[in-house]
Amino acid sequence: MLYNNALLSLQMLANAVHAQWTSETLWPLPPAGRHGKGSKKGSCRSLDGDKGHFNVVWDISELACQKRCQLSTLCVAFEHLNVKKYQKCELHIEAVMYVYPMPGYVCRIKPLQHLLGRYVGLL
């Protein structure tokens, strides 16, 4: 009973968060800099300041990169680089804690309902 109530609460939370994100809306940016300073746009960084673990996809738009992340149960965030005709998508599978300011880069965090979806969908 308690387990079912917890899953129901997660489902309600996921539905509420889902209402604010559509497939055409870009996800939120993570906190700026290691100490909350600097730009909110830049390269994704893990807790230890490293680039983290990710898979790379070339020559796709930022929105297409986000859609790939959304479809992946392992992806928790994505980084997109767009410089002239050069586009790089990194699908991050390790938690992103902040961004390191870098021109042309954007890092976006997967919203809660997508992260919870793999568990809530088990109902």
C-alpha atoms as a PDB file:
ATOM      1  CA  MET A   1       0.000   0.000   0.000  1.00  0.00           C
ATOM      2  CA  LEU A   2       2.748   2.454   0.977  1.00  0.00           C
ATOM      3  CA  TYR A   3       4.661   1.503  -2.190  1.00  0.00           C
ATOM      4  CA  ASN A   4       1.573   2.175  -4.353  1.00  0.00           C
ATOM      5  CA  ASN A   5       1.021   5.558  -2.656  1.00  0.00           C
ATOM      6  CA  ALA A   6       4.633   6.533  -3.308  1.00  0.00           C
ATOM      7  CA  LEU A   7       4.341   5.563  -6.987  1.00  0.00           C
ATOM      8  CA  LEU A   8       1.079   7.482  -7.269  1.00  0.00           C
ATOM      9  CA  SER A   9       2.764  10.554  -5.762  1.00  0.00           C
ATOM     10  CA  LEU A  10       5.619  10.230  -8.261  1.00  0.00           C
ATOM     11  CA  GLN A  11       3.093   9.921 -11.102  1.00  0.00           C
ATOM     12  CA  MET A  12       1.279  13.085  -9.968  1.00  0.00           C
ATOM     13  CA  LEU A  13       4.568  14.977  -9.656  1.00  0.00           C
ATOM     14  CA  ALA A  14       5.694  13.804 -13.094  1.00  0.00           C
ATOM     15  CA  ASN A  15       2.362  14.856 -14.641  1.00  0.00           C
ATOM     16  CA  ALA A  16       2.570  18.312 -13.044  1.00  0.00           C
ATOM     17  CA  VAL A  17       6.115  18.898 -14.284  1.00  0.00           C
ATOM     18  CA  HIS A  18       5.269  17.472 -17.718  1.00  0.00           C
ATOM     19  CA  ALA A  19       2.606  20.146 -18.208  1.00  0.00           C
ATOM     20  CA  GLN A  20       5.298  22.837 -18.475  1.00  0.00           C
ATOM     21  CA  TRP A  21       7.497  21.027 -21.032  1.00  0.00           C
ATOM     22  CA  THR A  22       6.510  20.224 -24.595  1.00  0.00           C
ATOM     23  CA  SER A  23       8.593  18.490 -27.224  1.00  0.00           C
ATOM     24  CA  GLU A  24       9.364  21.891 -28.788  1.00  0.00           C
ATOM     25  CA  THR A  25      10.450  23.591 -25.534  1.00  0.00           C
ATOM     26  CA  LEU A  26      14.156  23.578 -24.709  1.00  0.00           C
ATOM     27  CA  TRP A  27      15.005  22.264 -21.246  1.00  0.00           C
ATOM     28  CA  PRO A  28      16.419  24.412 -18.412  1.00  0.00           C
ATOM     29  CA  LEU A  29      20.058  25.400 -18.044  1.00  0.00           C
ATOM     30  CA  PRO A  30      22.028  24.075 -15.031  1.00  0.00           C
ATOM     31  CA  PRO A  31      23.489  26.430 -12.398  1.00  0.00           C
ATOM     32  CA  ALA A  32      26.240  28.786 -13.526  1.00  0.00           C
ATOM     33  CA  GLY A  33      29.841  28.052 -12.626  1.00  0.00           C
ATOM     34  CA  ARG A  34      31.259  25.918  -9.839  1.00  0.00           C
ATOM     35  CA  HIS A  35      30.328  28.514  -7.225  1.00  0.00           C
ATOM     36  CA  GLY A  36      27.211  29.897  -8.910  1.00  0.00           C
ATOM     37  CA  LYS A  37      29.182  32.594 -10.730  1.00  0.00           C
ATOM     38  CA  GLY A  38      29.550  33.178 -14.424  1.00  0.00           C
ATOM     39  CA  SER A  39      27.460  32.405 -17.466  1.00  0.00           C
ATOM     40  CA  LYS A  40      24.594  29.906 -17.514  1.00  0.00           C
ATOM     41  CA  LYS A  41      25.619  28.881 -21.035  1.00  0.00           C
ATOM     42  CA  GLY A  42      28.627  26.685 -21.562  1.00  0.00           C
ATOM     43  CA  SER A  43      29.941  23.139 -21.348  1.00  0.00           C
ATOM     44  CA  CYS A  44      28.370  20.565 -18.970  1.00  0.00           C
ATOM     45  CA  ARG A  45      30.441  19.662 -15.903  1.00  0.00           C
ATOM     46  CA  SER A  46      30.098  16.880 -13.335  1.00  0.00           C
ATOM     47  CA  LEU A  47      30.513  17.381  -9.579  1.00  0.00           C
ATOM     48  CA  ASP A  48      34.308  17.001  -9.739  1.00  0.00           C
ATOM     49  CA  GLY A  49      34.590  19.534 -12.596  1.00  0.00           C
ATOM     50  CA  ASP A  50      35.212  16.880 -15.228  1.00  0.00           C
ATOM     51  CA  LYS A  51      33.340  16.653 -18.549  1.00  0.00           C
ATOM     52  CA  GLY A  52      31.590  13.505 -17.294  1.00  0.00           C
ATOM     53  CA  HIS A  53      30.502  10.511 -19.368  1.00  0.00           C
ATOM     54  CA  PHE A  54      28.576  10.974 -22.594  1.00  0.00           C
ATOM     55  CA  ASN A  55      27.881   9.674 -26.088  1.00  0.00           C
ATOM     56  CA  VAL A  56      28.490  11.933 -29.106  1.00  0.00           C
ATOM     57  CA  VAL A  57      26.197  12.527 -32.097  1.00  0.00           C
ATOM     58  CA  TRP A  58      27.352  14.825 -34.923  1.00  0.00           C
ATOM     59  CA  ASP A  59      25.499  17.269 -37.182  1.00  0.00           C
ATOM     60  CA  ILE A  60      22.147  17.545 -35.414  1.00  0.00           C
ATOM     61  CA  SER A  61      20.381  20.643 -34.068  1.00  0.00           C
ATOM     62  CA  GLU A  62      20.019  21.505 -30.392  1.00  0.00           C
ATOM     63  CA  LEU A  63      16.343  20.470 -30.419  1.00  0.00           C
ATOM     64  CA  ALA A  64      17.186  17.159 -32.167  1.00  0.00           C
ATOM     65  CA  CYS A  65      19.884  16.569 -29.558  1.00  0.00           C
ATOM     66  CA  GLN A  66      17.333  17.171 -26.800  1.00  0.00           C
ATOM     67  CA  LYS A  67      14.894  14.736 -28.418  1.00  0.00           C
ATOM     68  CA  ARG A  68      17.599  12.051 -28.521  1.00  0.00           C
ATOM     69  CA  CYS A  69      18.261  12.621 -24.823  1.00  0.00           C
ATOM     70  CA  GLN A  70      14.544  12.518 -24.065  1.00  0.00           C
ATOM     71  CA  LEU A  71      14.225   9.111 -25.751  1.00  0.00           C
ATOM     72  CA  SER A  72      17.192   7.660 -23.858  1.00  0.00           C
ATOM     73  CA  THR A  73      16.605   6.220 -20.395  1.00  0.00           C
ATOM     74  CA  LEU A  74      20.294   6.736 -19.569  1.00  0.00           C
ATOM     75  CA  CYS A  75      20.578  10.379 -20.650  1.00  0.00           C
ATOM     76  CA  VAL A  76      20.279  12.945 -17.831  1.00  0.00           C
ATOM     77  CA  ALA A  77      21.438  16.048 -19.732  1.00  0.00           C
ATOM     78  CA  PHE A  78      22.814  17.097 -23.094  1.00  0.00           C
ATOM     79  CA  GLU A  79      25.427  19.513 -24.362  1.00  0.00           C
ATOM     80  CA  HIS A  80      25.227  21.083 -27.799  1.00  0.00           C
ATOM     81  CA  LEU A  81      27.938  22.954 -29.657  1.00  0.00           C
ATOM     82  CA  ASN A  82      27.018  25.129 -32.612  1.00  0.00           C
ATOM     83  CA  VAL A  83      29.840  26.994 -34.328  1.00  0.00           C
ATOM     84  CA  LYS A  84      29.201  27.946 -37.954  1.00  0.00           C
ATOM     85  CA  LYS A  85      28.161  24.685 -39.665  1.00  0.00           C
ATOM     86  CA  TYR A  86      29.785  22.541 -36.989  1.00  0.00           C
ATOM     87  CA  GLN A  87      27.264  20.900 -34.616  1.00  0.00           C
ATOM     88  CA  LYS A  88      28.089  18.431 -31.872  1.00  0.00           C
ATOM     89  CA  CYS A  89      25.656  16.764 -29.463  1.00  0.00           C
ATOM     90  CA  GLU A  90      26.792  15.096 -26.242  1.00  0.00           C
ATOM     91  CA  LEU A  91      24.244  12.875 -24.478  1.00  0.00           C
ATOM     92  CA  HIS A  92      25.338  12.869 -20.828  1.00  0.00           C
ATOM     93  CA  ILE A  93      24.795   9.804 -18.675  1.00  0.00           C
ATOM     94  CA  GLU A  94      26.373  11.267 -15.509  1.00  0.00           C
ATOM     95  CA  ALA A  95      24.795  13.998 -13.360  1.00  0.00           C
ATOM     96  CA  VAL A  96      25.630  17.532 -14.490  1.00  0.00           C
ATOM     97  CA  MET A  97      26.180  19.956 -11.632  1.00  0.00           C
ATOM     98  CA  TYR A  98      27.086  23.222 -13.381  1.00  0.00           C
ATOM     99  CA  VAL A  99      28.423  24.730 -16.604  1.00  0.00           C
ATOM    100  CA  TYR A 100      31.891  25.859 -17.551  1.00  0.00           C
ATOM    101  CA  PRO A 101      31.475  29.041 -19.654  1.00  0.00           C
ATOM    102  CA  MET A 102      32.514  28.386 -23.259  1.00  0.00           C
ATOM    103  CA  PRO A 103      31.349  30.248 -26.387  1.00  0.00           C
ATOM    104  CA  GLY A 104      29.025  28.272 -28.651  1.00  0.00           C
ATOM    105  CA  TYR A 105      28.185  25.627 -26.027  1.00  0.00           C
ATOM    106  CA  VAL A 106      24.885  25.086 -24.229  1.00  0.00           C
ATOM    107  CA  CYS A 107      24.156  22.475 -21.564  1.00  0.00           C
ATOM    108  CA  ARG A 108      20.587  21.492 -20.673  1.00  0.00           C
ATOM    109  CA  ILE A 109      19.239  19.295 -17.876  1.00  0.00           C
ATOM    110  CA  LYS A 110      16.533  16.686 -18.493  1.00  0.00           C
ATOM    111  CA  PRO A 111      13.353  17.753 -16.632  1.00  0.00           C
ATOM    112  CA  LEU A 112      12.140  15.675 -13.714  1.00  0.00           C
ATOM    113  CA  GLN A 113       9.242  13.962 -15.480  1.00  0.00           C
ATOM    114  CA  HIS A 114      11.583  12.457 -18.066  1.00  0.00           C
ATOM    115  CA  LEU A 115      13.894  11.165 -15.343  1.00  0.00           C
ATOM    116  CA  LEU A 116      10.984   9.752 -13.326  1.00  0.00           C
ATOM    117  CA  GLY A 117       9.166   8.401 -16.374  1.00  0.00           C
ATOM    118  CA  ARG A 118      11.126   5.180 -16.516  1.00  0.00           C
ATOM    119  CA  TYR A 119      10.006   4.363 -12.937  1.00  0.00           C
ATOM    120  CA  VAL A 120       6.485   5.777 -13.049  1.00  0.00           C
ATOM    121  CA  GLY A 121       5.800   3.969 -16.324  1.00  0.00           C
ATOM    122  CA  LEU A 122       6.049   0.668 -14.446  1.00  0.00           C
ATOM    123  CA  LEU A 123       2.584   1.162 -12.882  1.00  0.00           C
END
